Amino acid sequence: TQVDASRSVTVELVASSAGLPWRFDALEREVTLHPGQLVTVNYRVVNTLGRPVTAHAVMNAAPANAARYIEKQACFCFSDQTLAAGEERVMPVVFLVSPRAPRDMSTISLS
């Protein structure tokens, strides 16, 4: 993929545990990148329950059509994650915004 250095996209990173007994936070609140530029962001998750818990993350994007332009290379959302009681883990996501993204798409929210 070629990097489109003529423009930038700000990706806002939002984390939600959706009722799970986990604390889940994006370590970076946002990242600004050029379409085609590969970036790594990190999330921290802590299992606050006194027993192991397994969950599977699902990515959502806004605006609604933005998801088709997010190309994940590595993501904890690709498989189930099991955390032991009290376990804390930092989990990376490696992605890029496709250079095919509309030019007027300057901000994307990922949750």
Protein backbone atom coordinates (compact mmCIF):
# COMPACT_ATOMS: atom_id res chain seq x y z
CA THR A 1 0.00 0.00 0.00
CA GLN A 2 1.25 3.44 -0.86
CA VAL A 3 1.08 6.21 1.71
CA ASP A 4 -0.97 9.28 0.74
CA ALA A 5 1.11 11.99 2.43
CA SER A 6 -1.08 14.72 0.93
CA ARG A 7 -3.72 14.27 3.66
CA SER A 8 -4.19 13.11 7.24
CA VAL A 9 -6.90 11.19 9.06
CA THR A 10 -7.45 11.37 12.81
CA VAL A 11 -8.55 8.07 14.33
CA GLU A 12 -10.25 8.40 17.72
CA LEU A 13 -9.85 5.29 19.89
CA VAL A 14 -12.73 4.41 22.19
CA ALA A 15 -12.90 1.39 24.49
CA SER A 16 -15.95 -0.20 26.05
CA SER A 17 -16.22 -3.39 28.06
CA ALA A 18 -19.91 -3.85 27.14
CA GLY A 19 -20.88 -5.13 30.57
CA LEU A 20 -17.91 -7.49 31.01
CA PRO A 21 -16.15 -7.44 34.38
CA TRP A 22 -13.08 -5.93 32.68
CA ARG A 23 -11.49 -2.50 32.72
CA PHE A 24 -10.71 -1.75 29.09
CA ASP A 25 -8.90 1.42 27.99
CA ALA A 26 -7.22 2.74 24.87
CA LEU A 27 -3.72 3.87 25.89
CA GLU A 28 -3.78 6.44 23.11
CA ARG A 29 -6.94 8.54 22.78
CA GLU A 30 -6.30 9.31 19.13
CA VAL A 31 -3.73 8.92 16.43
CA THR A 32 -3.23 11.04 13.31
CA LEU A 33 -1.94 9.20 10.28
CA HIS A 34 -1.66 9.38 6.51
CA PRO A 35 -3.84 6.93 4.57
CA GLY A 36 -1.75 3.86 3.79
CA GLN A 37 0.50 4.41 6.85
CA LEU A 38 0.71 1.39 9.14
CA VAL A 39 0.23 2.29 12.82
CA THR A 40 0.15 0.41 16.11
CA VAL A 41 -2.12 1.42 18.99
CA ASN A 42 -2.43 -0.27 22.37
CA TYR A 43 -5.30 -1.17 24.65
CA ARG A 44 -5.05 -2.17 28.31
CA VAL A 45 -7.49 -4.71 29.72
CA VAL A 46 -7.82 -5.88 33.31
CA ASN A 47 -10.05 -8.75 34.43
CA THR A 48 -11.68 -7.46 37.63
CA LEU A 49 -13.49 -10.71 38.36
CA GLY A 50 -12.12 -13.35 40.74
CA ARG A 51 -12.10 -16.01 38.03
CA PRO A 52 -10.92 -16.38 34.41
CA VAL A 53 -13.10 -14.71 31.78
CA THR A 54 -13.08 -15.28 28.02
CA ALA A 55 -14.38 -12.67 25.58
CA HIS A 56 -14.19 -11.78 21.91
CA ALA A 57 -13.80 -8.12 20.93
CA VAL A 58 -15.78 -6.64 18.07
CA MET A 59 -14.69 -3.47 16.30
CA ASN A 60 -17.16 -0.74 15.43
CA ALA A 61 -16.39 2.32 13.34
CA ALA A 62 -18.04 5.66 12.72
CA PRO A 63 -19.05 7.06 10.37
CA ALA A 64 -20.86 3.89 9.29
CA ASN A 65 -18.94 3.49 6.02
CA ALA A 66 -15.52 3.90 7.69
CA ALA A 67 -15.15 0.21 8.60
CA ARG A 68 -14.57 -0.73 4.97
CA TYR A 69 -11.46 1.50 4.92
CA ILE A 70 -9.85 0.14 8.10
CA GLU A 71 -7.40 -2.64 7.27
CA LYS A 72 -6.34 -4.50 10.42
CA GLN A 73 -3.04 -6.36 10.14
CA ALA A 74 -2.97 -7.64 13.74
CA CYS A 75 -5.71 -7.39 16.34
CA PHE A 76 -6.72 -9.07 19.57
CA CYS A 77 -10.20 -8.99 18.02
CA PHE A 78 -9.20 -11.82 15.65
CA SER A 79 -9.66 -14.44 18.40
CA ASP A 80 -11.08 -15.09 21.85
CA GLN A 81 -9.08 -13.63 24.73
CA THR A 82 -8.97 -15.33 28.13
CA LEU A 83 -7.73 -13.37 31.11
CA ALA A 84 -7.03 -14.99 34.47
CA ALA A 85 -8.51 -13.51 37.64
CA GLY A 86 -6.97 -10.05 38.11
CA GLU A 87 -4.80 -10.36 34.99
CA GLU A 88 -3.77 -7.15 33.23
CA ARG A 89 -2.63 -7.19 29.62
CA VAL A 90 -1.61 -4.62 26.99
CA MET A 91 -2.90 -5.66 23.59
CA PRO A 92 -1.84 -4.00 20.32
CA VAL A 93 -3.82 -3.37 17.17
CA VAL A 94 -1.90 -2.80 13.94
CA PHE A 95 -3.91 -1.16 11.17
CA LEU A 96 -4.01 1.35 8.37
CA VAL A 97 -6.64 3.53 6.78
CA SER A 98 -6.89 2.70 3.10
CA PRO A 99 -5.81 5.39 0.62
CA ARG A 100 -9.19 4.65 -1.05
CA ALA A 101 -10.98 6.31 1.89
CA PRO A 102 -12.96 9.35 0.78
CA ARG A 103 -10.99 12.59 0.94
CA ASP A 104 -13.66 14.16 3.15
CA MET A 105 -13.28 11.39 5.75
CA SER A 106 -10.86 13.23 8.04
CA THR A 107 -11.96 11.69 11.36
CA ILE A 108 -12.83 8.09 12.18
CA SER A 109 -13.91 6.72 15.55
CA LEU A 110 -12.96 3.12 16.37
CA SER A 111 -14.54 1.41 19.34
